[in-house]
Amino acid sequence: MNIRQATPADSLLLSGLCRDVQSLHAEHHPDIFKIPQSDDFAVAFFDEILVDPMARIFILEKNGQALGYVLCKLMERPEGPFTFTLRYLQIDQISVRPEARGQGVGAALIKQAERFANELDVQRIQLDSWDFNIRAHAFFERLGFKKFHFRFWQIL
C-alpha cells in the first residue's frame, strides 16, 4: 500500500472515491444528501479543497489502484469568553472502496492523518459521523477515538 498527497490533477479520482460514502448518506437522509449521478459529481468541490492551504487529502493506492482517501483540515478557533484557543485536525471525509474494507485501508489513512497532525504540532484529531453509520463508529472507536459531543434535531 502506498499513501500519497493528492494534487489538483486528482479531483475526478477523488470525486469517484467519494461517491460510495455520498450514496450511503443519501440512502439514509435523502432529504439532506444528494444522490451522486456520476463519478464527476464533486469535482468542483475537490478543485477548491485541493488549493486550500489549511486542507490536505491523502490517497491510498495498492497496485496502482486508488482504494480510499482521507480529507483533513486544520481548524483554529481563537480564545473567547467560553473556551480556550482550540487547534485541531478535522477529518472532514474518509472513504474506502467497499471491496477494500476490512483490509487495513481505513486504519492506514487514519495513521496518515495522525502523522500530518504531528507535523502540524496538533494534539487533537476530531471527526463527525452520522448516527446510522454504526460500522464506522466501531471502526473509529477501535482506533482510539472517543465520543464527546452529541447533536439532536427535531423535524417539524
C-alpha atoms as a PDB file:
ATOM      1  CA  MET A   1       0.000   0.000   0.000  1.00  0.00           C
ATOM      2  CA  ASN A   2       1.184   3.489  -0.869  1.00  0.00           C
ATOM      3  CA  ILE A   3      -0.204   6.733   0.522  1.00  0.00           C
ATOM      4  CA  ARG A   4       0.384   9.967  -1.331  1.00  0.00           C
ATOM      5  CA  GLN A   5      -0.815  13.536  -1.048  1.00  0.00           C
ATOM      6  CA  ALA A   6      -3.493  14.380  -3.593  1.00  0.00           C
ATOM      7  CA  THR A   7      -2.806  17.003  -6.248  1.00  0.00           C
ATOM      8  CA  PRO A   8      -5.190  19.173  -8.303  1.00  0.00           C
ATOM      9  CA  ALA A   9      -4.996  16.504 -11.021  1.00  0.00           C
ATOM     10  CA  ASP A  10      -6.814  14.097  -8.642  1.00  0.00           C
ATOM     11  CA  SER A  11     -10.175  15.902  -8.459  1.00  0.00           C
ATOM     12  CA  LEU A  12     -12.009  13.415 -10.679  1.00  0.00           C
ATOM     13  CA  LEU A  13     -10.450  10.439  -8.906  1.00  0.00           C
ATOM     14  CA  LEU A  14     -11.456  11.827  -5.501  1.00  0.00           C
ATOM     15  CA  SER A  15     -14.967  12.583  -6.705  1.00  0.00           C
ATOM     16  CA  GLY A  16     -15.314   8.951  -7.790  1.00  0.00           C
ATOM     17  CA  LEU A  17     -13.923   7.674  -4.473  1.00  0.00           C
ATOM     18  CA  CYS A  18     -16.334   9.964  -2.617  1.00  0.00           C
ATOM     19  CA  ARG A  19     -19.327   8.516  -4.434  1.00  0.00           C
ATOM     20  CA  ASP A  20     -19.597   5.433  -2.172  1.00  0.00           C
ATOM     21  CA  VAL A  21     -19.917   7.437   1.049  1.00  0.00           C
ATOM     22  CA  GLN A  22     -22.134  10.081  -0.557  1.00  0.00           C
ATOM     23  CA  SER A  23     -24.508   7.342  -1.739  1.00  0.00           C
ATOM     24  CA  LEU A  24     -24.630   5.881   1.777  1.00  0.00           C
ATOM     25  CA  HIS A  25     -25.514   9.282   3.222  1.00  0.00           C
ATOM     26  CA  ALA A  26     -28.163   9.897   0.544  1.00  0.00           C
ATOM     27  CA  GLU A  27     -29.679   6.488   1.227  1.00  0.00           C
ATOM     28  CA  HIS A  28     -30.170   7.323   4.906  1.00  0.00           C
ATOM     29  CA  HIS A  29     -31.003  11.033   4.616  1.00  0.00           C
ATOM     30  CA  PRO A  30     -32.389  11.691   1.112  1.00  0.00           C
ATOM     31  CA  ASP A  31     -33.880  14.954   2.340  1.00  0.00           C
ATOM     32  CA  ILE A  32     -30.366  16.286   3.031  1.00  0.00           C
ATOM     33  CA  PHE A  33     -27.886  14.486   0.782  1.00  0.00           C
ATOM     34  CA  LYS A  34     -27.925  14.365  -2.991  1.00  0.00           C
ATOM     35  CA  ILE A  35     -27.523  11.051  -4.808  1.00  0.00           C
ATOM     36  CA  PRO A  36     -24.390  11.290  -6.950  1.00  0.00           C
ATOM     37  CA  GLN A  37     -25.350  10.832 -10.597  1.00  0.00           C
ATOM     38  CA  SER A  38     -21.827  10.275 -11.928  1.00  0.00           C
ATOM     39  CA  ASP A  39     -18.215   9.998 -10.785  1.00  0.00           C
ATOM     40  CA  ASP A  40     -17.622  13.681 -11.562  1.00  0.00           C
ATOM     41  CA  PHE A  41     -20.365  14.985  -9.242  1.00  0.00           C
ATOM     42  CA  ALA A  42     -17.914  16.554  -6.749  1.00  0.00           C
ATOM     43  CA  VAL A  43     -15.030  17.644  -8.998  1.00  0.00           C
ATOM     44  CA  ALA A  44     -15.602  21.358  -8.322  1.00  0.00           C
ATOM     45  CA  PHE A  45     -15.611  20.697  -4.569  1.00  0.00           C
ATOM     46  CA  PHE A  46     -12.282  18.876  -4.736  1.00  0.00           C
ATOM     47  CA  ASP A  47     -10.823  21.514  -7.080  1.00  0.00           C
ATOM     48  CA  GLU A  48     -11.487  24.063  -4.344  1.00  0.00           C
ATOM     49  CA  ILE A  49     -10.277  21.925  -1.419  1.00  0.00           C
ATOM     50  CA  LEU A  50      -7.039  20.934  -3.149  1.00  0.00           C
ATOM     51  CA  VAL A  51      -5.874  24.566  -3.237  1.00  0.00           C
ATOM     52  CA  ASP A  52      -6.926  25.315   0.348  1.00  0.00           C
ATOM     53  CA  PRO A  53      -3.711  25.782   2.382  1.00  0.00           C
ATOM     54  CA  MET A  54      -5.487  24.545   5.531  1.00  0.00           C
ATOM     55  CA  ALA A  55      -6.508  21.216   3.957  1.00  0.00           C
ATOM     56  CA  ARG A  56      -4.725  18.049   2.847  1.00  0.00           C
ATOM     57  CA  ILE A  57      -6.068  14.997   1.106  1.00  0.00           C
ATOM     58  CA  PHE A  58      -4.203  11.708   1.169  1.00  0.00           C
ATOM     59  CA  ILE A  59      -4.966   8.878  -1.259  1.00  0.00           C
ATOM     60  CA  LEU A  60      -4.155   5.237  -0.540  1.00  0.00           C
ATOM     61  CA  GLU A  61      -3.230   3.138  -3.558  1.00  0.00           C
ATOM     62  CA  LYS A  62      -2.464  -0.536  -3.918  1.00  0.00           C
ATOM     63  CA  ASN A  63      -1.093  -1.986  -7.133  1.00  0.00           C
ATOM     64  CA  GLY A  64      -1.752   1.350  -8.825  1.00  0.00           C
ATOM     65  CA  GLN A  65      -5.437   1.417  -7.850  1.00  0.00           C
ATOM     66  CA  ALA A  66      -6.878   4.065  -5.511  1.00  0.00           C
ATOM     67  CA  LEU A  67      -8.732   2.374  -2.652  1.00  0.00           C
ATOM     68  CA  GLY A  68      -9.579   5.330  -0.421  1.00  0.00           C
ATOM     69  CA  TYR A  69      -8.776   8.809   0.784  1.00  0.00           C
ATOM     70  CA  VAL A  70      -8.872  10.993   3.850  1.00  0.00           C
ATOM     71  CA  LEU A  71      -9.550  14.741   3.786  1.00  0.00           C
ATOM     72  CA  CYS A  72      -8.056  16.649   6.728  1.00  0.00           C
ATOM     73  CA  LYS A  73      -8.435  20.312   7.647  1.00  0.00           C
ATOM     74  CA  LEU A  74      -6.503  22.301  10.206  1.00  0.00           C
ATOM     75  CA  MET A  75      -9.041  24.073  12.408  1.00  0.00           C
ATOM     76  CA  GLU A  76      -8.119  27.008  14.620  1.00  0.00           C
ATOM     77  CA  ARG A  77     -10.501  28.829  16.904  1.00  0.00           C
ATOM     78  CA  PRO A  78      -9.313  31.761  18.998  1.00  0.00           C
ATOM     79  CA  GLU A  79      -9.942  32.018  22.706  1.00  0.00           C
ATOM     80  CA  GLY A  80     -13.287  33.517  23.614  1.00  0.00           C
ATOM     81  CA  PRO A  81     -15.306  34.142  26.746  1.00  0.00           C
ATOM     82  CA  PHE A  82     -16.354  30.471  26.973  1.00  0.00           C
ATOM     83  CA  THR A  83     -13.463  28.440  25.553  1.00  0.00           C
ATOM     84  CA  PHE A  84      -9.703  28.461  25.335  1.00  0.00           C
ATOM     85  CA  THR A  85      -7.887  28.610  21.998  1.00  0.00           C
ATOM     86  CA  LEU A  86      -8.632  25.426  20.098  1.00  0.00           C
ATOM     87  CA  ARG A  87      -6.422  23.960  17.378  1.00  0.00           C
ATOM     88  CA  TYR A  88      -7.155  20.524  15.957  1.00  0.00           C
ATOM     89  CA  LEU A  89      -7.112  18.465  12.787  1.00  0.00           C
ATOM     90  CA  GLN A  90     -10.602  17.751  11.472  1.00  0.00           C
ATOM     91  CA  ILE A  91     -11.063  14.591   9.446  1.00  0.00           C
ATOM     92  CA  ASP A  92     -13.741  16.018   7.202  1.00  0.00           C
ATOM     93  CA  GLN A  93     -14.096  12.951   4.983  1.00  0.00           C
ATOM     94  CA  ILE A  94     -12.776   9.414   4.859  1.00  0.00           C
ATOM     95  CA  SER A  95     -13.838   6.920   2.241  1.00  0.00           C
ATOM     96  CA  VAL A  96     -12.734   3.374   1.456  1.00  0.00           C
ATOM     97  CA  ARG A  97     -13.980   1.428  -1.535  1.00  0.00           C
ATOM     98  CA  PRO A  98     -16.449  -1.255  -0.347  1.00  0.00           C
ATOM     99  CA  GLU A  99     -14.330  -4.075  -1.791  1.00  0.00           C
ATOM    100  CA  ALA A 100     -11.276  -2.831   0.169  1.00  0.00           C
ATOM    101  CA  ARG A 101     -12.937  -2.534   3.578  1.00  0.00           C
ATOM    102  CA  GLY A 102     -11.541  -4.719   6.333  1.00  0.00           C
ATOM    103  CA  GLN A 103      -8.075  -4.763   4.726  1.00  0.00           C
ATOM    104  CA  GLY A 104      -6.396  -2.015   6.753  1.00  0.00           C
ATOM    105  CA  VAL A 105      -7.020   0.804   4.262  1.00  0.00           C
ATOM    106  CA  GLY A 106      -9.027   2.973   6.648  1.00  0.00           C
ATOM    107  CA  ALA A 107      -6.577   2.389   9.514  1.00  0.00           C
ATOM    108  CA  ALA A 108      -3.652   3.353   7.268  1.00  0.00           C
ATOM    109  CA  LEU A 109      -5.453   6.547   6.226  1.00  0.00           C
ATOM    110  CA  ILE A 110      -6.138   7.463   9.865  1.00  0.00           C
ATOM    111  CA  LYS A 111      -2.452   6.795  10.659  1.00  0.00           C
ATOM    112  CA  GLN A 112      -1.536   9.213   7.847  1.00  0.00           C
ATOM    113  CA  ALA A 113      -3.846  11.835   9.354  1.00  0.00           C
ATOM    114  CA  GLU A 114      -2.066  11.297  12.689  1.00  0.00           C
ATOM    115  CA  ARG A 115       1.335  11.817  11.019  1.00  0.00           C
ATOM    116  CA  PHE A 116       0.039  15.007   9.431  1.00  0.00           C
ATOM    117  CA  ALA A 117      -1.271  16.218  12.799  1.00  0.00           C
ATOM    118  CA  ASN A 118       2.167  15.568  14.304  1.00  0.00           C
ATOM    119  CA  GLU A 119       3.810  17.577  11.500  1.00  0.00           C
ATOM    120  CA  LEU A 120       1.480  20.458  12.356  1.00  0.00           C
ATOM    121  CA  ASP A 121       2.177  20.027  16.079  1.00  0.00           C
ATOM    122  CA  VAL A 122      -1.536  19.425  16.659  1.00  0.00           C
ATOM    123  CA  GLN A 123      -2.544  17.400  19.706  1.00  0.00           C
ATOM    124  CA  ARG A 124      -6.114  16.535  18.742  1.00  0.00           C
ATOM    125  CA  ILE A 125      -7.904  14.931  15.813  1.00  0.00           C
ATOM    126  CA  GLN A 126     -11.687  15.204  15.528  1.00  0.00           C
ATOM    127  CA  LEU A 127     -14.262  13.795  13.132  1.00  0.00           C
ATOM    128  CA  ASP A 128     -18.022  13.627  12.788  1.00  0.00           C
ATOM    129  CA  SER A 129     -20.165  10.654  11.860  1.00  0.00           C
ATOM    130  CA  TRP A 130     -23.890  10.293  11.286  1.00  0.00           C
ATOM    131  CA  ASP A 131     -25.883   8.164  13.738  1.00  0.00           C
ATOM    132  CA  PHE A 132     -26.753   5.493  11.147  1.00  0.00           C
ATOM    133  CA  ASN A 133     -23.110   4.713  10.404  1.00  0.00           C
ATOM    134  CA  ILE A 134     -22.646   2.179  13.211  1.00  0.00           C
ATOM    135  CA  ARG A 135     -19.907   0.302  11.356  1.00  0.00           C
ATOM    136  CA  ALA A 136     -17.838   3.478  11.067  1.00  0.00           C
ATOM    137  CA  HIS A 137     -18.391   4.248  14.750  1.00  0.00           C
ATOM    138  CA  ALA A 138     -16.999   0.849  15.753  1.00  0.00           C
ATOM    139  CA  PHE A 139     -14.026   1.382  13.424  1.00  0.00           C
ATOM    140  CA  PHE A 140     -13.226   4.809  14.901  1.00  0.00           C
ATOM    141  CA  GLU A 141     -13.552   3.509  18.455  1.00  0.00           C
ATOM    142  CA  ARG A 142     -11.201   0.578  17.679  1.00  0.00           C
ATOM    143  CA  LEU A 143      -8.638   3.185  16.602  1.00  0.00           C
ATOM    144  CA  GLY A 144      -8.945   5.053  19.901  1.00  0.00           C
ATOM    145  CA  PHE A 145     -11.446   7.789  19.068  1.00  0.00           C
ATOM    146  CA  LYS A 146     -13.862   8.701  21.869  1.00  0.00           C
ATOM    147  CA  LYS A 147     -17.351  10.130  21.582  1.00  0.00           C
ATOM    148  CA  PHE A 148     -17.501  13.598  23.093  1.00  0.00           C
ATOM    149  CA  HIS A 149     -20.404  15.567  21.593  1.00  0.00           C
ATOM    150  CA  PHE A 150     -23.984  14.740  20.649  1.00  0.00           C
ATOM    151  CA  ARG A 151     -26.284  16.711  18.352  1.00  0.00           C
ATOM    152  CA  PHE A 152     -30.059  16.490  18.302  1.00  0.00           C
ATOM    153  CA  TRP A 153     -32.729  17.699  15.951  1.00  0.00           C
ATOM    154  CA  GLN A 154     -36.471  17.896  15.842  1.00  0.00           C
ATOM    155  CA  ILE A 155     -38.229  17.827  12.489  1.00  0.00           C
ATOM    156  CA  LEU A 156     -41.371  19.964  12.473  1.00  0.00           C
END
